């Protein structure tokens, strides 16, 4: 992704980090990933409230709560979301999410 090549700060939501850690991971992958991360964004009450708003505002899509939490974390951090799965996150753009160019 261009953001990695450009050396831009890389944040990840705690939920996305948990999903990544579910693996399968090869030996050393977690450590290498941690070296490029600048921050793991917490899921706090503000993130939860915004995620619930996004869930309700975007059609109560089944299985979308994880995406709602990830989008909320990006919105609250005022950072663009880097993803190769843009279709899952496009519904959040009208609510303040910026999707990074891939």
PDB file of N, CA and C in Angstrom:
ATOM      1  N   UNK A   1       0.838  -1.180   0.000  1.00  0.00           N
ATOM      2  CA  UNK A   1       0.000   0.000   0.000  1.00  0.00           C
ATOM      3  C   UNK A   1       0.884   1.245   0.000  1.00  0.00           C
ATOM      4  N   UNK A   2       0.399   2.268  -0.665  1.00  0.00           N
ATOM      5  CA  UNK A   2       1.172   3.498  -0.816  1.00  0.00           C
ATOM      6  C   UNK A   2       1.525   4.142   0.518  1.00  0.00           C
ATOM      7  N   UNK A   3       0.633   4.035   1.509  1.00  0.00           N
ATOM      8  CA  UNK A   3       0.915   4.663   2.805  1.00  0.00           C
ATOM      9  C   UNK A   3       2.129   4.027   3.474  1.00  0.00           C
ATOM     10  N   UNK A   4       2.337   2.742   3.274  1.00  0.00           N
ATOM     11  CA  UNK A   4       3.519   2.077   3.834  1.00  0.00           C
ATOM     12  C   UNK A   4       4.780   2.515   3.108  1.00  0.00           C
ATOM     13  N   UNK A   5       4.692   2.581   1.790  1.00  0.00           N
ATOM     14  CA  UNK A   5       5.841   3.002   0.992  1.00  0.00           C
ATOM     15  C   UNK A   5       6.229   4.439   1.334  1.00  0.00           C
ATOM     16  N   UNK A   6       5.236   5.285   1.561  1.00  0.00           N
ATOM     17  CA  UNK A   6       5.491   6.695   1.874  1.00  0.00           C
ATOM     18  C   UNK A   6       5.954   6.894   3.316  1.00  0.00           C
ATOM     19  N   UNK A   7       5.875   5.848   4.136  1.00  0.00           N
ATOM     20  CA  UNK A   7       6.302   5.968   5.527  1.00  0.00           C
ATOM     21  C   UNK A   7       5.348   6.744   6.399  1.00  0.00           C
ATOM     22  N   UNK A   8       4.090   6.816   5.987  1.00  0.00           N
ATOM     23  CA  UNK A   8       3.093   7.538   6.774  1.00  0.00           C
ATOM     24  C   UNK A   8       2.814   6.780   8.072  1.00  0.00           C
ATOM     25  N   UNK A   9       2.441   7.499   9.136  1.00  0.00           N
ATOM     26  CA  UNK A   9       2.095   6.818  10.385  1.00  0.00           C
ATOM     27  C   UNK A   9       0.964   5.818  10.142  1.00  0.00           C
ATOM     28  N   UNK A  10       1.078   4.673  10.759  1.00  0.00           N
ATOM     29  CA  UNK A  10       0.089   3.618  10.575  1.00  0.00           C
ATOM     30  C   UNK A  10      -0.547   3.288  11.907  1.00  0.00           C
ATOM     31  N   UNK A  11      -1.850   3.501  11.986  1.00  0.00           N
ATOM     32  CA  UNK A  11      -2.624   3.179  13.175  1.00  0.00           C
ATOM     33  C   UNK A  11      -3.535   2.006  12.814  1.00  0.00           C
ATOM     34  N   UNK A  12      -3.921   1.240  13.809  1.00  0.00           N
ATOM     35  CA  UNK A  12      -4.851   0.138  13.604  1.00  0.00           C
ATOM     36  C   UNK A  12      -5.823   0.143  14.776  1.00  0.00           C
ATOM     37  N   UNK A  13      -7.084  -0.162  14.515  1.00  0.00           N
ATOM     38  CA  UNK A  13      -8.028  -0.245  15.621  1.00  0.00           C
ATOM     39  C   UNK A  13      -7.723  -1.502  16.423  1.00  0.00           C
ATOM     40  N   UNK A  14      -8.046  -1.464  17.702  1.00  0.00           N
ATOM     41  CA  UNK A  14      -7.821  -2.632  18.553  1.00  0.00           C
ATOM     42  C   UNK A  14      -8.588  -3.841  18.009  1.00  0.00           C
ATOM     43  N   UNK A  15      -9.749  -3.609  17.432  1.00  0.00           N
ATOM     44  CA  UNK A  15     -10.519  -4.711  16.865  1.00  0.00           C
ATOM     45  C   UNK A  15      -9.811  -5.298  15.646  1.00  0.00           C
ATOM     46  N   UNK A  16      -9.319  -4.452  14.759  1.00  0.00           N
ATOM     47  CA  UNK A  16      -8.598  -4.951  13.580  1.00  0.00           C
ATOM     48  C   UNK A  16      -7.331  -5.686  14.002  1.00  0.00           C
ATOM     49  N   UNK A  17      -6.658  -5.186  15.048  1.00  0.00           N
ATOM     50  CA  UNK A  17      -5.457  -5.853  15.550  1.00  0.00           C
ATOM     51  C   UNK A  17      -5.810  -7.246  16.089  1.00  0.00           C
ATOM     52  N   UNK A  18      -6.922  -7.343  16.814  1.00  0.00           N
ATOM     53  CA  UNK A  18      -7.370  -8.644  17.331  1.00  0.00           C
ATOM     54  C   UNK A  18      -7.676  -9.599  16.180  1.00  0.00           C
ATOM     55  N   UNK A  19      -8.329  -9.088  15.132  1.00  0.00           N
ATOM     56  CA  UNK A  19      -8.630  -9.929  13.968  1.00  0.00           C
ATOM     57  C   UNK A  19      -7.342 -10.433  13.331  1.00  0.00           C
ATOM     58  N   UNK A  20      -6.343  -9.577  13.221  1.00  0.00           N
ATOM     59  CA  UNK A  20      -5.057  -9.959  12.652  1.00  0.00           C
ATOM     60  C   UNK A  20      -4.394 -11.047  13.503  1.00  0.00           C
ATOM     61  N   UNK A  21      -4.438 -10.872  14.816  1.00  0.00           N
ATOM     62  CA  UNK A  21      -3.795 -11.826  15.713  1.00  0.00           C
ATOM     63  C   UNK A  21      -4.473 -13.197  15.710  1.00  0.00           C
ATOM     64  N   UNK A  22      -5.703 -13.264  15.229  1.00  0.00           N
ATOM     65  CA  UNK A  22      -6.385 -14.559  15.134  1.00  0.00           C
ATOM     66  C   UNK A  22      -5.734 -15.444  14.077  1.00  0.00           C
ATOM     67  N   UNK A  23      -4.918 -14.855  13.245  1.00  0.00           N
ATOM     68  CA  UNK A  23      -4.080 -15.596  12.304  1.00  0.00           C
ATOM     69  C   UNK A  23      -4.803 -16.277  11.177  1.00  0.00           C
ATOM     70  N   UNK A  24      -4.132 -17.217  10.598  1.00  0.00           N
ATOM     71  CA  UNK A  24      -2.896 -17.835  11.104  1.00  0.00           C
ATOM     72  C   UNK A  24      -1.682 -16.930  10.870  1.00  0.00           C
ATOM     73  N   UNK A  25      -0.826 -16.889  11.860  1.00  0.00           N
ATOM     74  CA  UNK A  25       0.401 -16.106  11.774  1.00  0.00           C
ATOM     75  C   UNK A  25       1.600 -17.033  11.651  1.00  0.00           C
ATOM     76  N   UNK A  26       2.555 -16.606  10.858  1.00  0.00           N
ATOM     77  CA  UNK A  26       3.828 -17.317  10.769  1.00  0.00           C
ATOM     78  C   UNK A  26       4.756 -16.753  11.846  1.00  0.00           C
ATOM     79  N   UNK A  27       5.760 -17.504  12.207  1.00  0.00           N
ATOM     80  CA  UNK A  27       6.703 -17.066  13.234  1.00  0.00           C
ATOM     81  C   UNK A  27       7.260 -15.691  12.887  1.00  0.00           C
ATOM     82  N   UNK A  28       7.211 -14.778  13.836  1.00  0.00           N
ATOM     83  CA  UNK A  28       7.777 -13.445  13.661  1.00  0.00           C
ATOM     84  C   UNK A  28       6.870 -12.415  13.027  1.00  0.00           C
ATOM     85  N   UNK A  29       5.732 -12.816  12.480  1.00  0.00           N
ATOM     86  CA  UNK A  29       4.871 -11.844  11.793  1.00  0.00           C
ATOM     87  C   UNK A  29       4.313 -10.788  12.735  1.00  0.00           C
ATOM     88  N   UNK A  30       3.920 -11.189  13.929  1.00  0.00           N
ATOM     89  CA  UNK A  30       3.363 -10.215  14.866  1.00  0.00           C
ATOM     90  C   UNK A  30       4.405  -9.147  15.199  1.00  0.00           C
ATOM     91  N   UNK A  31       5.622  -9.578  15.487  1.00  0.00           N
ATOM     92  CA  UNK A  31       6.681  -8.630  15.822  1.00  0.00           C
ATOM     93  C   UNK A  31       7.017  -7.696  14.678  1.00  0.00           C
ATOM     94  N   UNK A  32       7.084  -8.236  13.455  1.00  0.00           N
ATOM     95  CA  UNK A  32       7.383  -7.384  12.293  1.00  0.00           C
ATOM     96  C   UNK A  32       6.269  -6.368  12.084  1.00  0.00           C
ATOM     97  N   UNK A  33       5.042  -6.794  12.287  1.00  0.00           N
ATOM     98  CA  UNK A  33       3.919  -5.876  12.114  1.00  0.00           C
ATOM     99  C   UNK A  33       3.979  -4.761  13.154  1.00  0.00           C
ATOM    100  N   UNK A  34       4.314  -5.116  14.380  1.00  0.00           N
ATOM    101  CA  UNK A  34       4.401  -4.101  15.433  1.00  0.00           C
ATOM    102  C   UNK A  34       5.462  -3.046  15.136  1.00  0.00           C
ATOM    103  N   UNK A  35       6.482  -3.391  14.376  1.00  0.00           N
ATOM    104  CA  UNK A  35       7.527  -2.416  14.078  1.00  0.00           C
ATOM    105  C   UNK A  35       7.061  -1.335  13.115  1.00  0.00           C
ATOM    106  N   UNK A  36       6.025  -1.600  12.336  1.00  0.00           N
ATOM    107  CA  UNK A  36       5.540  -0.577  11.401  1.00  0.00           C
ATOM    108  C   UNK A  36       4.317   0.166  11.933  1.00  0.00           C
ATOM    109  N   UNK A  37       3.736  -0.325  13.033  1.00  0.00           N
ATOM    110  CA  UNK A  37       2.571   0.344  13.612  1.00  0.00           C
ATOM    111  C   UNK A  37       3.009   1.477  14.520  1.00  0.00           C
ATOM    112  N   UNK A  38       2.349   2.603  14.398  1.00  0.00           N
ATOM    113  CA  UNK A  38       2.609   3.720  15.290  1.00  0.00           C
ATOM    114  C   UNK A  38       1.690   3.691  16.502  1.00  0.00           C
ATOM    115  N   UNK A  39       0.511   3.076  16.331  1.00  0.00           N
ATOM    116  CA  UNK A  39      -0.450   3.077  17.438  1.00  0.00           C
ATOM    117  C   UNK A  39      -1.556   2.066  17.179  1.00  0.00           C
ATOM    118  N   UNK A  40      -1.997   1.422  18.251  1.00  0.00           N
ATOM    119  CA  UNK A  40      -3.223   0.623  18.227  1.00  0.00           C
ATOM    120  C   UNK A  40      -4.285   1.497  18.879  1.00  0.00           C
ATOM    121  N   UNK A  41      -5.290   1.885  18.090  1.00  0.00           N
ATOM    122  CA  UNK A  41      -6.340   2.781  18.582  1.00  0.00           C
ATOM    123  C   UNK A  41      -7.285   1.999  19.497  1.00  0.00           C
ATOM    124  N   UNK A  42      -7.513   2.475  20.710  1.00  0.00           N
ATOM    125  CA  UNK A  42      -8.378   1.746  21.642  1.00  0.00           C
ATOM    126  C   UNK A  42      -9.848   1.809  21.224  1.00  0.00           C
ATOM    127  N   UNK A  43     -10.573   0.841  21.700  1.00  0.00           N
ATOM    128  CA  UNK A  43     -12.029   0.863  21.545  1.00  0.00           C
ATOM    129  C   UNK A  43     -12.576   1.303  22.900  1.00  0.00           C
ATOM    130  N   UNK A  44     -12.950   2.572  22.968  1.00  0.00           N
ATOM    131  CA  UNK A  44     -13.471   3.124  24.214  1.00  0.00           C
ATOM    132  C   UNK A  44     -14.945   3.473  24.040  1.00  0.00           C
ATOM    133  N   UNK A  45     -15.506   4.152  25.025  1.00  0.00           N
ATOM    134  CA  UNK A  45     -16.934   4.473  24.977  1.00  0.00           C
ATOM    135  C   UNK A  45     -17.281   5.349  23.775  1.00  0.00           C
ATOM    136  N   UNK A  46     -16.418   6.285  23.419  1.00  0.00           N
ATOM    137  CA  UNK A  46     -16.686   7.152  22.261  1.00  0.00           C
ATOM    138  C   UNK A  46     -16.667   6.357  20.963  1.00  0.00           C
ATOM    139  N   UNK A  47     -15.714   5.442  20.861  1.00  0.00           N
ATOM    140  CA  UNK A  47     -15.623   4.593  19.671  1.00  0.00           C
ATOM    141  C   UNK A  47     -16.863   3.710  19.573  1.00  0.00           C
ATOM    142  N   UNK A  48     -17.268   3.135  20.702  1.00  0.00           N
ATOM    143  CA  UNK A  48     -18.452   2.269  20.719  1.00  0.00           C
ATOM    144  C   UNK A  48     -19.707   3.038  20.328  1.00  0.00           C
ATOM    145  N   UNK A  49     -19.855   4.246  20.839  1.00  0.00           N
ATOM    146  CA  UNK A  49     -21.035   5.049  20.518  1.00  0.00           C
ATOM    147  C   UNK A  49     -21.068   5.409  19.033  1.00  0.00           C
ATOM    148  N   UNK A  50     -19.928   5.813  18.486  1.00  0.00           N
ATOM    149  CA  UNK A  50     -19.891   6.143  17.066  1.00  0.00           C
ATOM    150  C   UNK A  50     -20.120   4.897  16.219  1.00  0.00           C
ATOM    151  N   UNK A  51     -19.561   3.767  16.625  1.00  0.00           N
ATOM    152  CA  UNK A  51     -19.770   2.522  15.886  1.00  0.00           C
ATOM    153  C   UNK A  51     -21.253   2.153  15.861  1.00  0.00           C
ATOM    154  N   UNK A  52     -21.932   2.316  16.976  1.00  0.00           N
ATOM    155  CA  UNK A  52     -23.372   2.027  17.022  1.00  0.00           C
ATOM    156  C   UNK A  52     -24.141   2.974  16.106  1.00  0.00           C
ATOM    157  N   UNK A  53     -23.741   4.252  16.105  1.00  0.00           N
ATOM    158  CA  UNK A  53     -24.377   5.215  15.202  1.00  0.00           C
ATOM    159  C   UNK A  53     -24.162   4.803  13.746  1.00  0.00           C
ATOM    160  N   UNK A  54     -22.938   4.433  13.398  1.00  0.00           N
ATOM    161  CA  UNK A  54     -22.646   4.014  12.024  1.00  0.00           C
ATOM    162  C   UNK A  54     -23.450   2.773  11.647  1.00  0.00           C
ATOM    163  N   UNK A  55     -23.552   1.845  12.568  1.00  0.00           N
ATOM    164  CA  UNK A  55     -24.320   0.621  12.312  1.00  0.00           C
ATOM    165  C   UNK A  55     -25.774   0.967  12.003  1.00  0.00           C
ATOM    166  N   UNK A  56     -26.368   1.811  12.833  1.00  0.00           N
ATOM    167  CA  UNK A  56     -27.765   2.197  12.633  1.00  0.00           C
ATOM    168  C   UNK A  56     -27.956   3.060  11.393  1.00  0.00           C
ATOM    169  N   UNK A  57     -27.003   3.931  11.113  1.00  0.00           N
ATOM    170  CA  UNK A  57     -27.137   4.870   9.995  1.00  0.00           C
ATOM    171  C   UNK A  57     -26.865   4.246   8.634  1.00  0.00           C
ATOM    172  N   UNK A  58     -26.233   3.080   8.620  1.00  0.00           N
ATOM    173  CA  UNK A  58     -25.882   2.473   7.332  1.00  0.00           C
ATOM    174  C   UNK A  58     -26.675   1.207   7.047  1.00  0.00           C
ATOM    175  N   UNK A  59     -27.825   1.078   7.653  1.00  0.00           N
ATOM    176  CA  UNK A  59     -28.736   0.016   7.263  1.00  0.00           C
ATOM    177  C   UNK A  59     -28.688  -1.257   8.087  1.00  0.00           C
ATOM    178  N   UNK A  60     -28.090  -1.203   9.271  1.00  0.00           N
ATOM    179  CA  UNK A  60     -28.102  -2.365  10.166  1.00  0.00           C
ATOM    180  C   UNK A  60     -27.640  -3.628   9.446  1.00  0.00           C
ATOM    181  N   UNK A  61     -26.548  -3.504   8.703  1.00  0.00           N
ATOM    182  CA  UNK A  61     -26.055  -4.627   7.903  1.00  0.00           C
ATOM    183  C   UNK A  61     -25.521  -5.741   8.804  1.00  0.00           C
ATOM    184  N   UNK A  62     -26.027  -6.935   8.586  1.00  0.00           N
ATOM    185  CA  UNK A  62     -25.580  -8.090   9.362  1.00  0.00           C
ATOM    186  C   UNK A  62     -24.070  -8.229   9.248  1.00  0.00           C
ATOM    187  N   UNK A  63     -23.434  -8.569  10.341  1.00  0.00           N
ATOM    188  CA  UNK A  63     -21.988  -8.803  10.421  1.00  0.00           C
ATOM    189  C   UNK A  63     -21.140  -7.566  10.122  1.00  0.00           C
ATOM    190  N   UNK A  64     -21.706  -6.383  10.219  1.00  0.00           N
ATOM    191  CA  UNK A  64     -20.919  -5.184   9.908  1.00  0.00           C
ATOM    192  C   UNK A  64     -20.391  -4.470  11.147  1.00  0.00           C
ATOM    193  N   UNK A  65     -20.691  -4.958  12.338  1.00  0.00           N
ATOM    194  CA  UNK A  65     -20.266  -4.235  13.544  1.00  0.00           C
ATOM    195  C   UNK A  65     -18.746  -4.098  13.612  1.00  0.00           C
ATOM    196  N   UNK A  66     -18.004  -5.114  13.225  1.00  0.00           N
ATOM    197  CA  UNK A  66     -16.546  -5.001  13.225  1.00  0.00           C
ATOM    198  C   UNK A  66     -16.069  -3.880  12.323  1.00  0.00           C
ATOM    199  N   UNK A  67     -16.667  -3.777  11.141  1.00  0.00           N
ATOM    200  CA  UNK A  67     -16.320  -2.684  10.226  1.00  0.00           C
ATOM    201  C   UNK A  67     -16.730  -1.340  10.812  1.00  0.00           C
ATOM    202  N   UNK A  68     -17.863  -1.312  11.513  1.00  0.00           N
ATOM    203  CA  UNK A  68     -18.315  -0.069  12.142  1.00  0.00           C
ATOM    204  C   UNK A  68     -17.315   0.395  13.201  1.00  0.00           C
ATOM    205  N   UNK A  69     -16.798  -0.529  13.999  1.00  0.00           N
ATOM    206  CA  UNK A  69     -15.822  -0.183  15.034  1.00  0.00           C
ATOM    207  C   UNK A  69     -14.529   0.320  14.392  1.00  0.00           C
ATOM    208  N   UNK A  70     -14.086  -0.376  13.356  1.00  0.00           N
ATOM    209  CA  UNK A  70     -12.858   0.032  12.672  1.00  0.00           C
ATOM    210  C   UNK A  70     -13.022   1.412  12.037  1.00  0.00           C
ATOM    211  N   UNK A  71     -14.155   1.653  11.391  1.00  0.00           N
ATOM    212  CA  UNK A  71     -14.422   2.967  10.790  1.00  0.00           C
ATOM    213  C   UNK A  71     -14.506   4.046  11.865  1.00  0.00           C
ATOM    214  N   UNK A  72     -15.162   3.747  12.962  1.00  0.00           N
ATOM    215  CA  UNK A  72     -15.283   4.723  14.047  1.00  0.00           C
ATOM    216  C   UNK A  72     -13.911   5.091  14.601  1.00  0.00           C
ATOM    217  N   UNK A  73     -13.050   4.105  14.767  1.00  0.00           N
ATOM    218  CA  UNK A  73     -11.696   4.384  15.273  1.00  0.00           C
ATOM    219  C   UNK A  73     -10.947   5.302  14.316  1.00  0.00           C
ATOM    220  N   UNK A  74     -11.074   5.062  13.022  1.00  0.00           N
ATOM    221  CA  UNK A  74     -10.393   5.907  12.032  1.00  0.00           C
ATOM    222  C   UNK A  74     -10.966   7.326  12.041  1.00  0.00           C
ATOM    223  N   UNK A  75     -12.274   7.434  12.116  1.00  0.00           N
ATOM    224  CA  UNK A  75     -12.912   8.754  12.135  1.00  0.00           C
ATOM    225  C   UNK A  75     -12.460   9.543  13.358  1.00  0.00           C
ATOM    226  N   UNK A  76     -12.501   8.904  14.527  1.00  0.00           N
ATOM    227  CA  UNK A  76     -12.131   9.604  15.761  1.00  0.00           C
ATOM    228  C   UNK A  76     -10.651   9.946  15.824  1.00  0.00           C
ATOM    229  N   UNK A  77      -9.817   9.137  15.176  1.00  0.00           N
ATOM    230  CA  UNK A  77      -8.380   9.434  15.125  1.00  0.00           C
ATOM    231  C   UNK A  77      -8.070  10.475  14.060  1.00  0.00           C
ATOM    232  N   UNK A  78      -9.088  10.833  13.266  1.00  0.00           N
ATOM    233  CA  UNK A  78      -8.922  11.782  12.165  1.00  0.00           C
ATOM    234  C   UNK A  78      -7.833  11.312  11.202  1.00  0.00           C
ATOM    235  N   UNK A  79      -7.888  10.003  10.903  1.00  0.00           N
ATOM    236  CA  UNK A  79      -6.917   9.377  10.012  1.00  0.00           C
ATOM    237  C   UNK A  79      -7.651   8.658   8.888  1.00  0.00           C
ATOM    238  N   UNK A  80      -7.088   8.623   7.693  1.00  0.00           N
ATOM    239  CA  UNK A  80      -7.703   7.848   6.612  1.00  0.00           C
ATOM    240  C   UNK A  80      -7.573   6.359   6.892  1.00  0.00           C
ATOM    241  N   UNK A  81      -8.527   5.605   6.412  1.00  0.00           N
ATOM    242  CA  UNK A  81      -8.527   4.155   6.571  1.00  0.00           C
ATOM    243  C   UNK A  81      -7.867   3.522   5.361  1.00  0.00           C
ATOM    244  N   UNK A  82      -6.805   2.781   5.588  1.00  0.00           N
ATOM    245  CA  UNK A  82      -6.131   2.040   4.520  1.00  0.00           C
ATOM    246  C   UNK A  82      -6.718   0.633   4.502  1.00  0.00           C
ATOM    247  N   UNK A  83      -7.321   0.262   3.396  1.00  0.00           N
ATOM    248  CA  UNK A  83      -7.921  -1.058   3.268  1.00  0.00           C
ATOM    249  C   UNK A  83      -7.940  -1.465   1.810  1.00  0.00           C
ATOM    250  N   UNK A  84      -7.881  -2.759   1.589  1.00  0.00           N
ATOM    251  CA  UNK A  84      -8.066  -3.274   0.237  1.00  0.00           C
ATOM    252  C   UNK A  84      -9.504  -3.714   0.044  1.00  0.00           C
ATOM    253  N   UNK A  85     -10.303  -3.588   1.085  1.00  0.00           N
ATOM    254  CA  UNK A  85     -11.701  -3.990   1.058  1.00  0.00           C
ATOM    255  C   UNK A  85     -12.585  -2.741   1.137  1.00  0.00           C
ATOM    256  N   UNK A  86     -12.438  -1.875   0.156  1.00  0.00           N
ATOM    257  CA  UNK A  86     -13.146  -0.591   0.200  1.00  0.00           C
ATOM    258  C   UNK A  86     -14.660  -0.734   0.194  1.00  0.00           C
ATOM    259  N   UNK A  87     -15.186  -1.770  -0.442  1.00  0.00           N
ATOM    260  CA  UNK A  87     -16.642  -1.892  -0.540  1.00  0.00           C
ATOM    261  C   UNK A  87     -17.300  -2.014   0.831  1.00  0.00           C
ATOM    262  N   UNK A  88     -16.622  -2.621   1.796  1.00  0.00           N
ATOM    263  CA  UNK A  88     -17.200  -2.727   3.142  1.00  0.00           C
ATOM    264  C   UNK A  88     -17.236  -1.383   3.857  1.00  0.00           C
ATOM    265  N   UNK A  89     -16.335  -0.484   3.481  1.00  0.00           N
ATOM    266  CA  UNK A  89     -16.207   0.762   4.219  1.00  0.00           C
ATOM    267  C   UNK A  89     -16.810   1.965   3.515  1.00  0.00           C
ATOM    268  N   UNK A  90     -17.153   1.858   2.260  1.00  0.00           N
ATOM    269  CA  UNK A  90     -17.746   2.983   1.523  1.00  0.00           C
ATOM    270  C   UNK A  90     -19.017   3.527   2.165  1.00  0.00           C
ATOM    271  N   UNK A  91     -19.874   2.697   2.795  1.00  0.00           N
ATOM    272  CA  UNK A  91     -21.071   3.271   3.424  1.00  0.00           C
ATOM    273  C   UNK A  91     -20.774   4.274   4.538  1.00  0.00           C
ATOM    274  N   UNK A  92     -19.547   4.257   5.070  1.00  0.00           N
ATOM    275  CA  UNK A  92     -19.210   5.153   6.169  1.00  0.00           C
ATOM    276  C   UNK A  92     -18.637   6.488   5.699  1.00  0.00           C
ATOM    277  N   UNK A  93     -18.334   6.605   4.423  1.00  0.00           N
ATOM    278  CA  UNK A  93     -17.746   7.846   3.901  1.00  0.00           C
ATOM    279  C   UNK A  93     -18.659   9.052   4.144  1.00  0.00           C
ATOM    280  N   UNK A  94     -19.971   8.950   3.918  1.00  0.00           N
ATOM    281  CA  UNK A  94     -20.825  10.114   4.197  1.00  0.00           C
ATOM    282  C   UNK A  94     -20.874  10.497   5.683  1.00  0.00           C
ATOM    283  N   UNK A  95     -20.353   9.629   6.530  1.00  0.00           N
ATOM    284  CA  UNK A  95     -20.370   9.884   7.967  1.00  0.00           C
ATOM    285  C   UNK A  95     -19.002  10.321   8.492  1.00  0.00           C
ATOM    286  N   UNK A  96     -18.086  10.647   7.566  1.00  0.00           N
ATOM    287  CA  UNK A  96     -16.805  11.211   7.972  1.00  0.00           C
ATOM    288  C   UNK A  96     -15.597  10.340   7.738  1.00  0.00           C
ATOM    289  N   UNK A  97     -15.774   9.107   7.274  1.00  0.00           N
ATOM    290  CA  UNK A  97     -14.631   8.252   7.027  1.00  0.00           C
ATOM    291  C   UNK A  97     -13.927   8.654   5.733  1.00  0.00           C
ATOM    292  N   UNK A  98     -12.627   8.697   5.801  1.00  0.00           N
ATOM    293  CA  UNK A  98     -11.799   8.923   4.612  1.00  0.00           C
ATOM    294  C   UNK A  98     -11.088   7.623   4.319  1.00  0.00           C
ATOM    295  N   UNK A  99     -11.228   7.135   3.103  1.00  0.00           N
ATOM    296  CA  UNK A  99     -10.546   5.909   2.681  1.00  0.00           C
ATOM    297  C   UNK A  99      -9.285   6.317   1.931  1.00  0.00           C
ATOM    298  N   UNK A 100      -8.143   5.809   2.396  1.00  0.00           N
ATOM    299  CA  UNK A 100      -6.861   6.142   1.785  1.00  0.00           C
ATOM    300  C   UNK A 100      -6.779   5.534   0.389  1.00  0.00           C
ATOM    301  N   UNK A 101      -6.046   6.217  -0.474  1.00  0.00           N
ATOM    302  CA  UNK A 101      -5.769   5.659  -1.790  1.00  0.00           C
ATOM    303  C   UNK A 101      -4.891   4.435  -1.597  1.00  0.00           C
ATOM    304  N   UNK A 102      -5.233   3.364  -2.339  1.00  0.00           N
ATOM    305  CA  UNK A 102      -4.429   2.150  -2.184  1.00  0.00           C
ATOM    306  C   UNK A 102      -3.336   2.075  -3.221  1.00  0.00           C
TER     307      UNK A 102
END
